[in-house]
Amino acid sequence: MGNAGEATGRSVNVVEIELVFVHVLTVTVAMSPPLQDAARTVEAMPHQILVLNGPNLNLLGAREPEVYGSDTLDGIVDELVARANERNAEIRHVQSNHEGGLIDALHDARMWADAVIFNPGAFTHYSIALRDAVVASELPVVETHLSNVHAREEFRHHSVISAVCLGVVLGFGTQSYLAALDSLIRHLEA
């Protein structure tokens, strides 16, 4: 008892068990239909996209229609939801007239969202706190505007947020939002 032959026998048995385990594991991963189905399910899961709108955008349709158009925010969101359904995506919409509410929405999005369409409204031009929240979200964000801010008052020409975004879409009314959605989905699927 306790001789070298027994020690060698145990060592060989352990190695054989490990090799069998690795072999079986490899075959299981490569061949298991339940795992293949699970991989397909993960691929088919819809993209979760936050649509985040800042101050005064709740007044769309009534506020300066010559600048922002006649579409309401609810109408824009309805169009986004319809397009998202066609593209295997789901939309959650948040609108706030308060900087802190927008920051909280970006922080919350870290837990569930894949991307963000963000119209910060007037905060675009001066909110370093929102810029920092976009960075902290670690999500791809497309800054989106209904109007062409560069064709308006000079103070609207600069965004403190766009430099930390994946891209910027502006000047196409409701189509700006739809272009942002399509671009984000293409980015997520690349």
Protein backbone atom coordinates (compact mmCIF):
# COMPACT_ATOMS: atom_id res chain seq x y z
CA MET A 1 0.00 0.00 0.00
CA GLY A 2 1.20 3.47 -0.70
CA ASN A 3 3.78 2.37 -3.32
CA ALA A 4 4.78 4.31 -6.40
CA GLY A 5 2.60 2.14 -8.65
CA GLU A 6 -0.54 3.27 -6.90
CA ALA A 7 0.48 6.92 -7.12
CA THR A 8 1.15 6.55 -10.84
CA GLY A 9 -2.16 4.77 -11.35
CA ARG A 10 -4.07 7.61 -9.73
CA SER A 11 -2.24 10.20 -11.75
CA VAL A 12 -3.03 8.40 -15.01
CA ASN A 13 -6.67 8.04 -14.02
CA VAL A 14 -6.95 11.75 -13.29
CA VAL A 15 -5.41 12.63 -16.65
CA GLU A 16 -7.77 10.24 -18.44
CA ILE A 17 -10.77 11.76 -16.67
CA GLU A 18 -9.66 15.25 -17.59
CA LEU A 19 -9.21 14.29 -21.24
CA VAL A 20 -12.60 12.62 -21.37
CA PHE A 21 -14.19 15.66 -19.73
CA VAL A 22 -12.57 18.06 -22.19
CA HIS A 23 -13.55 15.86 -25.11
CA VAL A 24 -17.14 15.50 -23.96
CA LEU A 25 -17.38 19.21 -23.19
CA THR A 26 -16.11 20.11 -26.66
CA VAL A 27 -18.58 17.79 -28.34
CA THR A 28 -21.41 19.05 -26.13
CA VAL A 29 -20.74 22.69 -26.98
CA ALA A 30 -20.37 21.99 -30.67
CA MET A 31 -23.28 19.59 -31.05
CA SER A 32 -25.90 20.30 -28.41
CA PRO A 33 -29.18 21.43 -30.02
CA PRO A 34 -30.32 23.21 -26.83
CA LEU A 35 -27.16 25.34 -26.89
CA GLN A 36 -27.59 26.03 -30.60
CA ASP A 37 -31.19 27.09 -29.91
CA ALA A 38 -30.00 29.32 -27.06
CA ALA A 39 -27.46 30.99 -29.36
CA ARG A 40 -30.19 31.65 -31.92
CA THR A 41 -32.42 33.07 -29.16
CA VAL A 42 -29.67 35.48 -28.07
CA GLU A 43 -29.22 36.62 -31.68
CA ALA A 44 -32.98 37.12 -32.05
CA MET A 45 -33.37 39.19 -28.89
CA PRO A 46 -34.50 42.69 -29.81
CA HIS A 47 -32.15 45.62 -29.42
CA GLN A 48 -33.19 47.80 -26.48
CA ILE A 49 -33.03 51.48 -27.36
CA LEU A 50 -33.69 54.45 -25.11
CA VAL A 51 -35.19 57.48 -26.83
CA LEU A 52 -34.40 60.39 -24.54
CA ASN A 53 -35.86 63.86 -25.10
CA GLY A 54 -34.99 67.01 -23.22
CA PRO A 55 -36.70 70.26 -22.29
CA ASN A 56 -39.67 71.66 -24.20
CA LEU A 57 -39.88 68.70 -26.57
CA ASN A 58 -43.14 67.72 -24.86
CA LEU A 59 -44.58 70.81 -26.63
CA LEU A 60 -43.77 69.61 -30.16
CA GLY A 61 -46.60 70.24 -32.58
CA ALA A 62 -47.61 73.42 -30.73
CA ARG A 63 -44.25 75.13 -30.12
CA GLU A 64 -42.73 76.95 -33.09
CA PRO A 65 -44.04 74.63 -35.82
CA GLU A 66 -42.16 76.70 -38.40
CA VAL A 67 -38.92 75.49 -36.75
CA TYR A 68 -39.82 72.06 -35.34
CA GLY A 69 -42.66 70.98 -37.62
CA SER A 70 -46.20 69.96 -36.74
CA ASP A 71 -45.48 66.42 -35.50
CA THR A 72 -46.08 65.82 -31.81
CA LEU A 73 -43.58 63.99 -29.64
CA ASP A 74 -46.10 61.15 -29.23
CA GLY A 75 -46.35 60.94 -33.03
CA ILE A 76 -42.58 60.77 -33.41
CA VAL A 77 -42.34 58.06 -30.76
CA ASP A 78 -45.12 56.09 -32.48
CA GLU A 79 -43.18 56.21 -35.75
CA LEU A 80 -40.02 55.08 -33.96
CA VAL A 81 -41.84 52.17 -32.32
CA ALA A 82 -43.26 51.07 -35.68
CA ARG A 83 -39.84 51.24 -37.35
CA ALA A 84 -38.19 49.51 -34.39
CA ASN A 85 -40.67 46.63 -34.61
CA GLU A 86 -39.65 46.12 -38.24
CA ARG A 87 -35.96 46.09 -37.28
CA ASN A 88 -35.98 43.76 -34.24
CA ALA A 89 -35.69 46.58 -31.72
CA GLU A 90 -37.70 47.87 -28.79
CA ILE A 91 -38.06 51.50 -27.78
CA ARG A 92 -38.38 53.00 -24.32
CA HIS A 93 -39.11 56.70 -24.31
CA VAL A 94 -38.29 59.24 -21.60
CA GLN A 95 -38.88 62.99 -21.82
CA SER A 96 -37.87 65.39 -19.08
CA ASN A 97 -37.67 69.14 -18.75
CA HIS A 98 -35.12 68.66 -15.96
CA GLU A 99 -31.42 67.99 -16.39
CA GLY A 100 -31.36 65.59 -13.44
CA GLY A 101 -34.18 63.51 -14.91
CA LEU A 102 -32.22 63.08 -18.14
CA ILE A 103 -29.08 62.16 -16.20
CA ASP A 104 -31.02 59.59 -14.18
CA ALA A 105 -32.44 58.08 -17.39
CA LEU A 106 -28.94 57.72 -18.85
CA HIS A 107 -27.67 56.12 -15.65
CA ASP A 108 -30.63 53.71 -15.62
CA ALA A 109 -30.07 52.84 -19.30
CA ARG A 110 -26.69 51.34 -18.39
CA MET A 111 -28.60 48.41 -16.88
CA TRP A 112 -30.85 47.54 -19.82
CA ALA A 113 -30.25 49.53 -23.02
CA ASP A 114 -28.07 48.73 -26.01
CA ALA A 115 -28.08 52.29 -27.38
CA VAL A 116 -29.58 55.76 -26.99
CA ILE A 117 -31.20 58.29 -29.31
CA PHE A 118 -30.80 61.58 -27.46
CA ASN A 119 -32.26 65.00 -28.19
CA PRO A 120 -30.97 67.08 -25.29
CA GLY A 121 -32.81 70.21 -26.49
CA ALA A 122 -31.27 73.43 -25.20
CA PHE A 123 -29.03 71.43 -22.82
CA THR A 124 -27.05 70.49 -25.96
CA HIS A 125 -25.19 73.76 -25.79
CA TYR A 126 -24.03 73.92 -22.19
CA SER A 127 -24.72 70.83 -20.05
CA ILE A 128 -21.39 69.33 -19.08
CA ALA A 129 -23.33 67.15 -16.61
CA LEU A 130 -25.27 65.54 -19.48
CA ARG A 131 -22.06 65.15 -21.47
CA ASP A 132 -20.52 63.32 -18.52
CA ALA A 133 -23.64 61.14 -18.15
CA VAL A 134 -23.40 60.14 -21.83
CA VAL A 135 -19.78 59.09 -21.26
CA ALA A 136 -20.69 57.25 -18.04
CA SER A 137 -23.46 55.34 -19.80
CA GLU A 138 -20.83 53.55 -21.94
CA LEU A 139 -23.54 53.18 -24.61
CA PRO A 140 -23.54 54.24 -28.25
CA VAL A 141 -25.49 57.51 -28.36
CA VAL A 142 -26.71 59.43 -31.39
CA GLU A 143 -27.37 63.10 -30.68
CA THR A 144 -30.53 63.97 -32.60
CA HIS A 145 -32.22 67.27 -33.46
CA LEU A 146 -35.32 68.08 -35.50
CA SER A 147 -33.95 71.38 -36.78
CA ASN A 148 -30.60 72.25 -38.31
CA VAL A 149 -29.08 73.97 -35.30
CA HIS A 150 -26.28 75.40 -37.50
CA ALA A 151 -28.83 77.40 -39.50
CA ARG A 152 -30.23 79.01 -36.37
CA GLU A 153 -28.95 81.42 -33.70
CA GLU A 154 -25.20 81.36 -33.20
CA PHE A 155 -25.46 80.15 -29.59
CA ARG A 156 -27.03 76.93 -30.95
CA HIS A 157 -24.07 76.15 -33.22
CA HIS A 158 -21.99 74.44 -30.53
CA SER A 159 -22.77 71.15 -28.83
CA VAL A 160 -20.89 70.05 -25.72
CA ILE A 161 -22.39 66.58 -26.16
CA SER A 162 -21.68 65.62 -29.78
CA ALA A 163 -17.98 64.92 -29.21
CA VAL A 164 -18.83 61.98 -26.94
CA CYS A 165 -21.55 60.57 -29.20
CA LEU A 166 -21.34 57.93 -31.90
CA GLY A 167 -22.89 60.40 -34.33
CA VAL A 168 -25.20 63.37 -34.82
CA VAL A 169 -28.32 63.59 -36.98
CA LEU A 170 -30.04 66.94 -37.39
CA GLY A 171 -32.20 69.06 -39.63
CA PHE A 172 -34.60 66.46 -41.04
CA GLY A 173 -37.53 66.78 -38.67
CA THR A 174 -39.01 63.43 -37.66
CA GLN A 175 -36.72 61.75 -40.17
CA SER A 176 -33.76 62.71 -37.95
CA TYR A 177 -35.05 60.29 -35.30
CA LEU A 178 -35.68 57.53 -37.84
CA ALA A 179 -32.21 57.98 -39.33
CA ALA A 180 -30.70 57.80 -35.83
CA LEU A 181 -32.60 54.57 -35.12
CA ASP A 182 -31.53 52.95 -38.41
CA SER A 183 -27.92 54.01 -37.87
CA LEU A 184 -27.82 52.66 -34.32
CA ILE A 185 -29.29 49.32 -35.36
CA ARG A 186 -26.73 48.98 -38.16
CA HIS A 187 -24.01 49.84 -35.62
CA LEU A 188 -25.29 47.24 -33.14
CA GLU A 189 -25.46 44.55 -35.81
CA ALA A 190 -22.00 45.25 -37.25
